[in-house]
Amino acid sequence: MEYSERSCDLIGKRDMKRHIALLTAGVLLFLVLFAVFFEAFETEHECSGEDCPVCAFLIQCENMIRTAGSCVPAAVCLYLAVMLAGTAVLLHFYEVPAVTLVTSKVRLND
């Protein structure tokens, strides 16, 4: 069974996009979990003063958690809008075949 070079190239690009999306989601999940655990373990650290690097990193972790949490509703709304638009386009071009007695090959006897 031979595949053309073009079909393999299209399949490869689709798989590559899927792998990149999974990798991005995995990295984002890792960063959010790291920020949560870092914040949980370092909330009671011994602060060295105004220029404490741990406090600065804690503030960055809190901002990242807040930002990641606020993007979920926007992503869900975007997903629903795309799915609704796709469904509308498909329904617009979808033709329902007319079912008549002739297309059903019904014989009418007198």
N, C-alpha and C. Protein backbone atom coordinates (compact mmCIF):
# COMPACT_ATOMS: atom_id res chain seq x y z
N MET A 1 0.85 -1.17 0.00
CA MET A 1 0.00 0.00 0.00
C MET A 1 0.89 1.23 0.00
N GLU A 2 0.82 2.02 -1.05
CA GLU A 2 1.66 3.19 -1.16
C GLU A 2 0.85 4.45 -0.90
N TYR A 3 1.48 5.39 -0.24
CA TYR A 3 0.87 6.68 0.02
C TYR A 3 1.62 7.73 -0.77
N SER A 4 0.88 8.67 -1.27
CA SER A 4 1.54 9.75 -1.99
C SER A 4 2.26 10.65 -0.99
N GLU A 5 3.23 11.37 -1.50
CA GLU A 5 4.00 12.26 -0.64
C GLU A 5 3.13 13.37 -0.08
N ARG A 6 2.16 13.83 -0.88
CA ARG A 6 1.30 14.91 -0.44
C ARG A 6 0.40 14.48 0.72
N SER A 7 -0.20 13.28 0.65
CA SER A 7 -1.09 12.84 1.73
C SER A 7 -0.31 12.63 3.02
N CYS A 8 0.90 12.12 2.93
CA CYS A 8 1.72 11.95 4.13
C CYS A 8 2.08 13.30 4.74
N ASP A 9 2.33 14.28 3.85
CA ASP A 9 2.67 15.61 4.34
C ASP A 9 1.49 16.24 5.09
N LEU A 10 0.26 16.06 4.57
CA LEU A 10 -0.92 16.62 5.24
C LEU A 10 -1.17 15.93 6.57
N ILE A 11 -1.01 14.63 6.61
CA ILE A 11 -1.21 13.89 7.86
C ILE A 11 -0.16 14.30 8.87
N GLY A 12 1.06 14.48 8.42
CA GLY A 12 2.14 14.89 9.32
C GLY A 12 1.90 16.26 9.92
N LYS A 13 1.38 17.20 9.11
CA LYS A 13 1.10 18.55 9.62
C LYS A 13 -0.03 18.52 10.65
N ARG A 14 -1.03 17.69 10.39
CA ARG A 14 -2.15 17.60 11.33
C ARG A 14 -1.67 17.01 12.67
N ASP A 15 -0.86 15.97 12.59
CA ASP A 15 -0.33 15.37 13.82
C ASP A 15 0.61 16.33 14.54
N MET A 16 1.37 17.09 13.76
CA MET A 16 2.30 18.05 14.36
C MET A 16 1.52 19.12 15.13
N LYS A 17 0.44 19.63 14.54
CA LYS A 17 -0.37 20.64 15.24
C LYS A 17 -0.98 20.06 16.50
N ARG A 18 -1.43 18.81 16.44
CA ARG A 18 -2.02 18.16 17.62
C ARG A 18 -0.98 18.01 18.72
N HIS A 19 0.23 17.61 18.34
CA HIS A 19 1.29 17.44 19.34
C HIS A 19 1.70 18.78 19.95
N ILE A 20 1.75 19.82 19.13
CA ILE A 20 2.10 21.15 19.65
C ILE A 20 1.02 21.64 20.61
N ALA A 21 -0.25 21.41 20.27
CA ALA A 21 -1.34 21.82 21.15
C ALA A 21 -1.29 21.06 22.48
N LEU A 22 -1.04 19.76 22.41
CA LEU A 22 -0.95 18.97 23.65
C LEU A 22 0.25 19.39 24.49
N LEU A 23 1.36 19.67 23.83
CA LEU A 23 2.55 20.12 24.56
C LEU A 23 2.29 21.47 25.23
N THR A 24 1.64 22.38 24.54
CA THR A 24 1.33 23.69 25.10
C THR A 24 0.39 23.56 26.30
N ALA A 25 -0.64 22.72 26.16
CA ALA A 25 -1.56 22.50 27.28
C ALA A 25 -0.85 21.87 28.46
N GLY A 26 0.05 20.93 28.20
CA GLY A 26 0.80 20.29 29.27
C GLY A 26 1.72 21.27 30.00
N VAL A 27 2.39 22.13 29.24
CA VAL A 27 3.28 23.13 29.86
C VAL A 27 2.47 24.11 30.70
N LEU A 28 1.33 24.55 30.18
CA LEU A 28 0.48 25.47 30.95
C LEU A 28 -0.01 24.81 32.23
N LEU A 29 -0.44 23.55 32.15
CA LEU A 29 -0.88 22.83 33.34
C LEU A 29 0.25 22.69 34.34
N PHE A 30 1.46 22.35 33.86
CA PHE A 30 2.61 22.23 34.76
C PHE A 30 2.92 23.55 35.45
N LEU A 31 2.88 24.65 34.70
CA LEU A 31 3.19 25.95 35.29
C LEU A 31 2.17 26.37 36.35
N VAL A 32 0.90 26.12 36.07
CA VAL A 32 -0.13 26.48 37.04
C VAL A 32 0.01 25.62 38.29
N LEU A 33 0.22 24.32 38.12
CA LEU A 33 0.39 23.45 39.29
C LEU A 33 1.65 23.81 40.08
N PHE A 34 2.73 24.13 39.37
CA PHE A 34 3.95 24.56 40.05
C PHE A 34 3.71 25.82 40.86
N ALA A 35 2.99 26.78 40.26
CA ALA A 35 2.71 28.03 40.96
C ALA A 35 1.86 27.78 42.21
N VAL A 36 0.88 26.90 42.10
CA VAL A 36 0.01 26.60 43.25
C VAL A 36 0.82 25.96 44.37
N PHE A 37 1.65 24.96 44.02
CA PHE A 37 2.43 24.28 45.06
C PHE A 37 3.51 25.20 45.64
N PHE A 38 4.14 26.02 44.80
CA PHE A 38 5.14 26.95 45.31
C PHE A 38 4.52 27.93 46.29
N GLU A 39 3.35 28.42 45.93
CA GLU A 39 2.66 29.36 46.82
C GLU A 39 2.26 28.69 48.12
N ALA A 40 1.83 27.43 48.04
CA ALA A 40 1.43 26.71 49.25
C ALA A 40 2.63 26.47 50.18
N PHE A 41 3.77 26.16 49.61
CA PHE A 41 4.94 25.85 50.45
C PHE A 41 5.68 27.08 50.93
N GLU A 42 5.62 28.17 50.22
CA GLU A 42 6.43 29.34 50.55
C GLU A 42 5.64 30.50 51.16
N THR A 43 4.40 30.29 51.54
CA THR A 43 3.64 31.40 52.12
C THR A 43 4.19 31.80 53.49
N GLU A 44 4.77 30.89 54.22
CA GLU A 44 5.30 31.18 55.56
C GLU A 44 6.83 31.25 55.56
N HIS A 45 7.42 31.77 54.48
CA HIS A 45 8.89 31.86 54.43
C HIS A 45 9.37 33.05 55.27
N GLU A 46 10.66 33.02 55.56
CA GLU A 46 11.25 34.12 56.31
C GLU A 46 11.63 35.21 55.31
N CYS A 47 10.87 36.29 55.33
CA CYS A 47 11.06 37.37 54.37
C CYS A 47 12.33 38.15 54.71
N SER A 48 13.12 38.45 53.67
CA SER A 48 14.38 39.16 53.90
C SER A 48 14.24 40.67 53.77
N GLY A 49 13.05 41.14 53.58
CA GLY A 49 12.85 42.59 53.50
C GLY A 49 12.08 43.00 52.26
N GLU A 50 12.31 44.25 51.88
CA GLU A 50 11.54 44.82 50.78
C GLU A 50 11.89 44.20 49.43
N ASP A 51 13.13 43.81 49.21
CA ASP A 51 13.57 43.23 47.94
C ASP A 51 13.66 41.70 48.03
N CYS A 52 12.68 41.09 48.65
CA CYS A 52 12.69 39.64 48.83
C CYS A 52 12.33 38.96 47.50
N PRO A 53 13.23 38.11 46.95
CA PRO A 53 12.94 37.46 45.68
C PRO A 53 11.80 36.43 45.78
N VAL A 54 11.65 35.83 46.95
CA VAL A 54 10.57 34.85 47.14
C VAL A 54 9.22 35.56 47.10
N CYS A 55 9.12 36.71 47.74
CA CYS A 55 7.87 37.47 47.70
C CYS A 55 7.54 37.94 46.28
N ALA A 56 8.57 38.36 45.55
CA ALA A 56 8.36 38.80 44.17
C ALA A 56 7.87 37.64 43.31
N PHE A 57 8.45 36.46 43.52
CA PHE A 57 8.02 35.28 42.76
C PHE A 57 6.63 34.84 43.17
N LEU A 58 6.29 34.99 44.45
CA LEU A 58 4.93 34.67 44.90
C LEU A 58 3.90 35.57 44.23
N ILE A 59 4.23 36.84 44.08
CA ILE A 59 3.32 37.77 43.41
C ILE A 59 3.14 37.37 41.94
N GLN A 60 4.24 36.97 41.28
CA GLN A 60 4.13 36.51 39.90
C GLN A 60 3.29 35.24 39.79
N CYS A 61 3.45 34.33 40.75
CA CYS A 61 2.66 33.09 40.75
C CYS A 61 1.17 33.40 40.93
N GLU A 62 0.85 34.30 41.84
CA GLU A 62 -0.55 34.68 42.04
C GLU A 62 -1.15 35.31 40.79
N ASN A 63 -0.37 36.15 40.12
CA ASN A 63 -0.86 36.77 38.87
C ASN A 63 -1.08 35.71 37.78
N MET A 64 -0.18 34.73 37.70
CA MET A 64 -0.32 33.69 36.70
C MET A 64 -1.56 32.83 36.98
N ILE A 65 -1.78 32.50 38.23
CA ILE A 65 -2.96 31.70 38.59
C ILE A 65 -4.23 32.48 38.28
N ARG A 66 -4.24 33.76 38.62
CA ARG A 66 -5.40 34.60 38.33
C ARG A 66 -5.64 34.71 36.83
N THR A 67 -4.58 34.89 36.06
CA THR A 67 -4.70 35.01 34.60
C THR A 67 -5.16 33.70 33.99
N ALA A 68 -4.60 32.57 34.42
CA ALA A 68 -5.00 31.27 33.87
C ALA A 68 -6.45 30.96 34.21
N GLY A 69 -6.89 31.36 35.39
CA GLY A 69 -8.27 31.12 35.77
C GLY A 69 -9.25 31.99 35.02
N SER A 70 -8.83 33.19 34.62
CA SER A 70 -9.74 34.08 33.92
C SER A 70 -9.81 33.78 32.43
N CYS A 71 -8.87 33.01 31.89
CA CYS A 71 -8.91 32.72 30.45
C CYS A 71 -9.81 31.53 30.14
N VAL A 72 -10.18 30.73 31.13
CA VAL A 72 -11.02 29.56 30.88
C VAL A 72 -12.41 29.95 30.38
N PRO A 73 -13.12 30.90 31.01
CA PRO A 73 -14.42 31.27 30.46
C PRO A 73 -14.33 31.86 29.05
N ALA A 74 -13.28 32.62 28.79
CA ALA A 74 -13.10 33.18 27.44
C ALA A 74 -12.86 32.07 26.42
N ALA A 75 -12.07 31.07 26.79
CA ALA A 75 -11.81 29.95 25.88
C ALA A 75 -13.08 29.15 25.62
N VAL A 76 -13.90 28.96 26.64
CA VAL A 76 -15.16 28.23 26.46
C VAL A 76 -16.10 29.01 25.55
N CYS A 77 -16.20 30.31 25.75
CA CYS A 77 -17.05 31.14 24.88
C CYS A 77 -16.55 31.11 23.44
N LEU A 78 -15.24 31.19 23.24
CA LEU A 78 -14.68 31.12 21.90
C LEU A 78 -14.98 29.78 21.26
N TYR A 79 -14.81 28.69 22.00
CA TYR A 79 -15.09 27.35 21.49
C TYR A 79 -16.56 27.23 21.09
N LEU A 80 -17.46 27.69 21.93
CA LEU A 80 -18.89 27.61 21.61
C LEU A 80 -19.24 28.46 20.39
N ALA A 81 -18.63 29.63 20.26
CA ALA A 81 -18.90 30.48 19.11
C ALA A 81 -18.42 29.82 17.81
N VAL A 82 -17.24 29.22 17.86
CA VAL A 82 -16.73 28.53 16.67
C VAL A 82 -17.60 27.34 16.31
N MET A 83 -18.01 26.56 17.31
CA MET A 83 -18.87 25.41 17.04
C MET A 83 -20.23 25.84 16.50
N LEU A 84 -20.78 26.92 17.02
CA LEU A 84 -22.07 27.43 16.53
C LEU A 84 -21.94 27.92 15.09
N ALA A 85 -20.87 28.63 14.79
CA ALA A 85 -20.66 29.11 13.42
C ALA A 85 -20.44 27.94 12.46
N GLY A 86 -19.68 26.95 12.88
CA GLY A 86 -19.46 25.77 12.05
C GLY A 86 -20.75 25.01 11.78
N THR A 87 -21.56 24.87 12.80
CA THR A 87 -22.85 24.19 12.64
C THR A 87 -23.76 24.98 11.71
N ALA A 88 -23.76 26.30 11.83
CA ALA A 88 -24.59 27.13 10.95
C ALA A 88 -24.14 26.99 9.49
N VAL A 89 -22.83 26.96 9.26
CA VAL A 89 -22.33 26.81 7.90
C VAL A 89 -22.69 25.44 7.35
N LEU A 90 -22.53 24.39 8.16
CA LEU A 90 -22.88 23.05 7.70
C LEU A 90 -24.37 22.93 7.40
N LEU A 91 -25.20 23.50 8.24
CA LEU A 91 -26.64 23.43 8.01
C LEU A 91 -27.04 24.24 6.78
N HIS A 92 -26.31 25.30 6.50
CA HIS A 92 -26.63 26.12 5.33
C HIS A 92 -26.36 25.34 4.04
N PHE A 93 -25.27 24.57 4.02
CA PHE A 93 -24.91 23.84 2.80
C PHE A 93 -25.47 22.42 2.76
N TYR A 94 -26.07 21.98 3.83
CA TYR A 94 -26.62 20.63 3.86
C TYR A 94 -27.96 20.62 3.15
N GLU A 95 -28.08 19.75 2.19
CA GLU A 95 -29.32 19.66 1.43
C GLU A 95 -30.06 18.40 1.85
N VAL A 96 -31.30 18.57 2.23
CA VAL A 96 -32.14 17.43 2.59
C VAL A 96 -32.81 16.93 1.31
N PRO A 97 -32.57 15.68 0.96
CA PRO A 97 -33.18 15.19 -0.27
C PRO A 97 -34.70 15.08 -0.11
N ALA A 98 -35.38 15.46 -1.16
CA ALA A 98 -36.84 15.41 -1.14
C ALA A 98 -37.30 13.96 -1.27
N VAL A 99 -38.11 13.52 -0.33
CA VAL A 99 -38.63 12.16 -0.38
C VAL A 99 -40.02 12.24 -1.00
N THR A 100 -40.13 11.67 -2.16
CA THR A 100 -41.42 11.63 -2.86
C THR A 100 -41.76 10.19 -3.18
N LEU A 101 -42.93 9.98 -3.68
CA LEU A 101 -43.33 8.62 -4.05
C LEU A 101 -42.47 8.09 -5.20
N VAL A 102 -42.04 8.97 -6.07
CA VAL A 102 -41.20 8.54 -7.20
C VAL A 102 -39.82 8.15 -6.70
N THR A 103 -39.19 8.97 -5.83
CA THR A 103 -37.86 8.63 -5.33
C THR A 103 -37.89 7.41 -4.44
N SER A 104 -39.03 7.15 -3.81
CA SER A 104 -39.15 5.95 -2.98
C SER A 104 -39.58 4.73 -3.81
N LYS A 105 -39.86 4.94 -5.10
CA LYS A 105 -40.27 3.89 -6.02
C LYS A 105 -41.51 3.16 -5.55
N VAL A 106 -42.50 3.95 -5.16
CA VAL A 106 -43.78 3.40 -4.73
C VAL A 106 -44.66 3.22 -5.97
N ARG A 107 -45.21 2.05 -6.08
CA ARG A 107 -46.09 1.77 -7.21
C ARG A 107 -47.52 2.01 -6.79
N LEU A 108 -48.21 2.84 -7.55
CA LEU A 108 -49.60 3.16 -7.26
C LEU A 108 -50.49 2.30 -8.13
N ASN A 109 -51.26 1.45 -7.51
CA ASN A 109 -52.21 0.60 -8.24
C ASN A 109 -53.60 1.21 -8.16
N ASP A 110 -54.32 1.13 -9.31
CA ASP A 110 -55.69 1.65 -9.31
C ASP A 110 -56.67 0.64 -8.80
